Amino acid sequence: MQYNRGGIVQIYAEAALPRKIMSSPRRSYAQLQQALALAEAVTERTLCEMLALRQSQQGHTSDVADKQQTQQQFHQLIKQSQRTSKGFAVLFVQLDQFRAIYQQHGAGVAKQTSDLVLTKLVAAVRACDLVNQRANGQFLILITDVKRIYDAVLVAEKLMQKLGTFEDLCPQPQPISVSIGISRYPHDGLEAGLLIERAAAAMSHAESRGGNQYSLLR
């Protein structure tokens, strides 16, 4: 049986038909129709399960690829910093309203809002800086050539100013803000994992104070 769901075409060669009913030539027409209806229901359920599994696998593959890309970006920045004696900053950004938008308007609107925030964040930083979109309204931004903590703070303030009220995504105008945590290489760590962890902890601190602000570990 052939289905076209979201551009994904799958052909199932084996129908889940009850063998005892379908193999007997003496069964009534009503019994055959009942068997076909049951087979269609089973196949439909199987299709949904397989699509869900595929989406889960694709999501896992995407997560792995994103992590590998992030590790590679960190590796390149660390090498560059060691060569030039210039540091870089990690900004862990959380969209404050993501959970509320998800609960009130669904995953589609939440994803659209996150994508729009991503566009604004990319426009707010330099071409040499790196912006990575993560799950659940989170973003990881790598700011290059940071000499002083003040350089990273200026970027955080600029990012918050670029956001405002989104008019078209929700039934009512939706104010948008972010919580930002900042860590620096080499002051807050020499490895990617530690820098991300400390930036995330600083972000959580900013979020706990009401959001729409930045924080850094002292």
Protein backbone atom coordinates (compact mmCIF):
# COMPACT_ATOMS: atom_id res chain seq x y z
CA MET A 1 0.00 0.00 0.00
CA GLN A 2 1.28 3.47 -0.85
CA TYR A 3 0.94 6.55 1.33
CA ASN A 4 2.16 10.08 0.81
CA ARG A 5 2.61 11.86 4.15
CA GLY A 6 4.47 15.17 4.19
CA GLY A 7 6.38 14.38 1.05
CA ILE A 8 7.52 10.99 2.35
CA VAL A 9 6.34 8.08 0.20
CA GLN A 10 6.49 4.60 1.61
CA ILE A 11 5.39 1.40 -0.10
CA TYR A 12 4.37 -1.48 2.12
CA ALA A 13 4.58 -4.80 0.32
CA GLU A 14 2.91 -6.80 3.05
CA ALA A 15 -0.66 -6.05 4.11
CA ALA A 16 -1.61 -7.03 7.64
CA LEU A 17 -4.52 -9.26 6.59
CA PRO A 18 -5.86 -12.01 8.83
CA ARG A 19 -4.54 -15.07 7.03
CA LYS A 20 -7.31 -17.50 8.06
CA ILE A 21 -10.06 -15.30 6.66
CA MET A 22 -8.32 -14.16 3.47
CA SER A 23 -6.98 -17.58 2.50
CA SER A 24 -10.33 -19.34 2.63
CA PRO A 25 -12.43 -19.20 -0.59
CA ARG A 26 -15.59 -20.11 1.33
CA ARG A 27 -15.73 -16.97 3.48
CA SER A 28 -18.63 -14.60 2.91
CA TYR A 29 -18.32 -11.20 1.26
CA ALA A 30 -19.10 -9.54 4.58
CA GLN A 31 -16.28 -11.42 6.25
CA LEU A 32 -13.87 -10.39 3.51
CA GLN A 33 -14.89 -6.77 3.86
CA GLN A 34 -14.43 -6.99 7.62
CA ALA A 35 -10.97 -8.44 7.11
CA LEU A 36 -10.04 -5.72 4.64
CA ALA A 37 -11.26 -3.01 7.01
CA LEU A 38 -9.24 -4.53 9.84
CA ALA A 39 -6.18 -4.80 7.62
CA GLU A 40 -6.53 -1.15 6.59
CA ALA A 41 -6.76 -0.09 10.23
CA VAL A 42 -3.74 -2.15 11.21
CA THR A 43 -1.73 -0.86 8.26
CA GLU A 44 -2.71 2.75 9.06
CA ARG A 45 -1.61 2.29 12.66
CA THR A 46 1.64 0.70 11.49
CA LEU A 47 2.23 3.61 9.14
CA CYS A 48 1.78 6.15 11.93
CA GLU A 49 4.11 4.19 14.19
CA MET A 50 6.75 3.92 11.49
CA LEU A 51 6.53 7.62 10.64
CA ALA A 52 6.84 8.52 14.32
CA LEU A 53 9.86 6.23 14.61
CA ARG A 54 11.45 7.76 11.51
CA GLN A 55 10.89 11.30 12.79
CA SER A 56 12.42 10.29 16.11
CA GLN A 57 15.42 8.78 14.34
CA GLN A 58 15.80 11.84 12.11
CA GLY A 59 15.59 14.11 15.17
CA HIS A 60 18.28 12.03 16.89
CA THR A 61 20.46 12.13 13.77
CA SER A 62 19.97 15.89 13.52
CA ASP A 63 20.89 16.34 17.20
CA VAL A 64 24.07 14.30 16.73
CA ALA A 65 25.00 16.31 13.64
CA ASP A 66 24.36 19.59 15.46
CA LYS A 67 26.52 18.54 18.39
CA GLN A 68 29.32 17.49 16.05
CA GLN A 69 29.10 20.79 14.21
CA THR A 70 29.16 22.73 17.49
CA GLN A 71 32.19 20.77 18.70
CA GLN A 72 33.97 21.51 15.43
CA GLN A 73 33.18 25.23 15.72
CA PHE A 74 34.51 25.30 19.27
CA HIS A 75 37.65 23.46 18.21
CA GLN A 76 38.32 25.98 15.46
CA LEU A 77 37.70 28.95 17.77
CA ILE A 78 39.97 27.53 20.46
CA LYS A 79 42.77 27.03 17.95
CA GLN A 80 42.24 30.54 16.63
CA SER A 81 42.28 31.99 20.15
CA GLN A 82 45.48 30.18 21.01
CA ARG A 83 47.09 31.49 17.85
CA THR A 84 45.93 35.12 18.18
CA SER A 85 45.75 35.38 22.00
CA LYS A 86 42.18 36.66 21.65
CA GLY A 87 39.32 35.04 23.51
CA PHE A 88 35.74 34.36 22.53
CA ALA A 89 32.42 34.39 24.33
CA VAL A 90 29.59 31.84 24.53
CA LEU A 91 26.06 33.21 24.81
CA PHE A 92 23.39 30.71 25.84
CA VAL A 93 20.06 32.25 24.84
CA GLN A 94 16.59 31.11 25.99
CA LEU A 95 13.39 32.44 24.46
CA ASP A 96 11.43 33.39 27.58
CA GLN A 97 7.97 32.86 26.10
CA PHE A 98 8.66 29.58 24.27
CA ARG A 99 6.90 27.29 26.74
CA ALA A 100 3.83 29.52 27.01
CA ILE A 101 3.55 29.84 23.22
CA TYR A 102 3.91 26.07 22.86
CA GLN A 103 1.18 25.38 25.40
CA GLN A 104 -1.25 28.02 24.13
CA HIS A 105 -0.73 27.88 20.36
CA GLY A 106 0.96 24.56 19.64
CA ALA A 107 4.30 23.30 18.38
CA GLY A 108 3.95 24.87 14.93
CA VAL A 109 3.59 28.43 16.19
CA ALA A 110 6.34 27.87 18.76
CA LYS A 111 8.68 26.66 16.01
CA GLN A 112 7.81 29.63 13.77
CA THR A 113 8.47 32.02 16.65
CA SER A 114 11.81 30.35 17.37
CA ASP A 115 12.77 30.57 13.69
CA LEU A 116 11.90 34.27 13.59
CA VAL A 117 13.98 34.89 16.71
CA LEU A 118 16.84 33.04 15.01
CA THR A 119 16.60 35.40 12.02
CA LYS A 120 16.78 38.43 14.29
CA LEU A 121 19.72 37.03 16.25
CA VAL A 122 21.69 36.29 13.09
CA ALA A 123 21.02 39.82 11.83
CA ALA A 124 22.26 41.30 15.12
CA VAL A 125 25.72 39.71 15.16
CA ARG A 126 28.71 39.94 12.83
CA ALA A 127 29.30 37.62 9.90
CA CYS A 128 32.25 36.07 11.74
CA ASP A 129 30.09 35.13 14.74
CA LEU A 130 28.21 31.84 14.89
CA VAL A 131 24.56 31.26 15.81
CA ASN A 132 23.25 27.73 16.46
CA GLN A 133 19.55 27.00 16.98
CA ARG A 134 18.82 24.35 19.58
CA ALA A 135 15.63 22.73 20.81
CA ASN A 136 12.93 24.33 22.99
CA GLY A 137 13.60 27.93 22.01
CA GLN A 138 17.30 27.87 22.86
CA PHE A 139 20.23 29.26 20.89
CA LEU A 140 23.99 29.07 21.24
CA ILE A 141 25.98 32.06 19.97
CA LEU A 142 29.76 32.15 19.67
CA ILE A 143 31.21 35.66 19.61
CA THR A 144 34.75 35.86 18.26
CA ASP A 145 37.59 38.25 19.13
CA VAL A 146 36.41 39.12 22.63
CA LYS A 147 39.06 41.07 24.51
CA ARG A 148 36.95 42.18 27.48
CA ILE A 149 33.76 40.91 29.10
CA TYR A 150 32.27 44.25 28.14
CA ASP A 151 32.42 43.18 24.48
CA ALA A 152 30.14 40.21 25.18
CA VAL A 153 27.82 42.32 27.34
CA LEU A 154 27.36 44.80 24.48
CA VAL A 155 26.34 41.95 22.18
CA ALA A 156 23.85 40.61 24.75
CA GLU A 157 22.27 44.05 25.13
CA LYS A 158 22.04 44.43 21.36
CA LEU A 159 20.34 41.06 21.01
CA MET A 160 17.69 41.96 23.58
CA GLN A 161 17.02 45.28 21.86
CA LYS A 162 16.48 43.58 18.49
CA LEU A 163 13.51 41.65 19.86
CA GLY A 164 10.15 43.19 20.64
CA THR A 165 6.56 42.32 19.83
CA PHE A 166 5.71 39.78 17.13
CA GLU A 167 2.44 40.76 15.45
CA ASP A 168 1.53 38.00 13.01
CA LEU A 169 2.31 34.63 14.59
CA CYS A 170 -0.26 34.55 17.40
CA PRO A 171 -3.90 35.75 17.56
CA GLN A 172 -2.73 38.56 19.84
CA PRO A 173 0.55 40.53 19.58
CA GLN A 174 3.19 38.51 21.40
CA PRO A 175 5.95 40.26 23.35
CA ILE A 176 9.24 38.43 22.89
CA SER A 177 12.24 38.51 25.20
CA VAL A 178 15.23 36.32 25.96
CA SER A 179 17.38 35.34 28.91
CA ILE A 180 21.10 35.23 28.12
CA GLY A 181 23.96 33.56 29.96
CA ILE A 182 27.55 34.45 29.13
CA SER A 183 30.80 32.54 29.53
CA ARG A 184 34.25 33.31 28.11
CA TYR A 185 37.23 31.39 26.84
CA PRO A 186 39.67 30.95 28.52
CA HIS A 187 38.44 32.65 31.72
CA ASP A 188 35.49 30.29 32.35
CA GLY A 189 36.85 27.10 30.84
CA LEU A 190 39.12 25.55 28.26
CA GLU A 191 36.67 23.01 26.82
CA ALA A 192 33.43 23.38 24.88
CA GLY A 193 31.33 21.37 27.32
CA LEU A 194 32.38 23.42 30.34
CA LEU A 195 31.86 26.73 28.54
CA ILE A 196 28.36 25.71 27.44
CA GLU A 197 27.53 24.41 30.92
CA ARG A 198 28.57 27.65 32.59
CA ALA A 199 26.77 29.80 30.03
CA ALA A 200 23.62 27.70 30.54
CA ALA A 201 23.90 28.10 34.32
CA ALA A 202 24.20 31.87 33.92
CA MET A 203 21.19 31.85 31.61
CA SER A 204 19.14 29.94 34.20
CA HIS A 205 20.09 32.58 36.75
CA ALA A 206 18.88 35.35 34.43
CA GLU A 207 15.68 33.41 33.75
CA SER A 208 15.03 32.93 37.48
CA ARG A 209 15.16 36.68 37.97
CA GLY A 210 12.28 37.20 35.54
CA GLY A 211 13.98 36.94 32.17
CA ASN A 212 14.66 39.65 29.61
CA GLN A 213 18.17 40.12 30.97
CA TYR A 214 21.66 38.67 30.81
CA SER A 215 23.85 37.12 33.45
CA LEU A 216 27.44 35.95 33.71
CA LEU A 217 29.24 33.86 36.26
CA ARG A 218 31.63 35.63 38.60
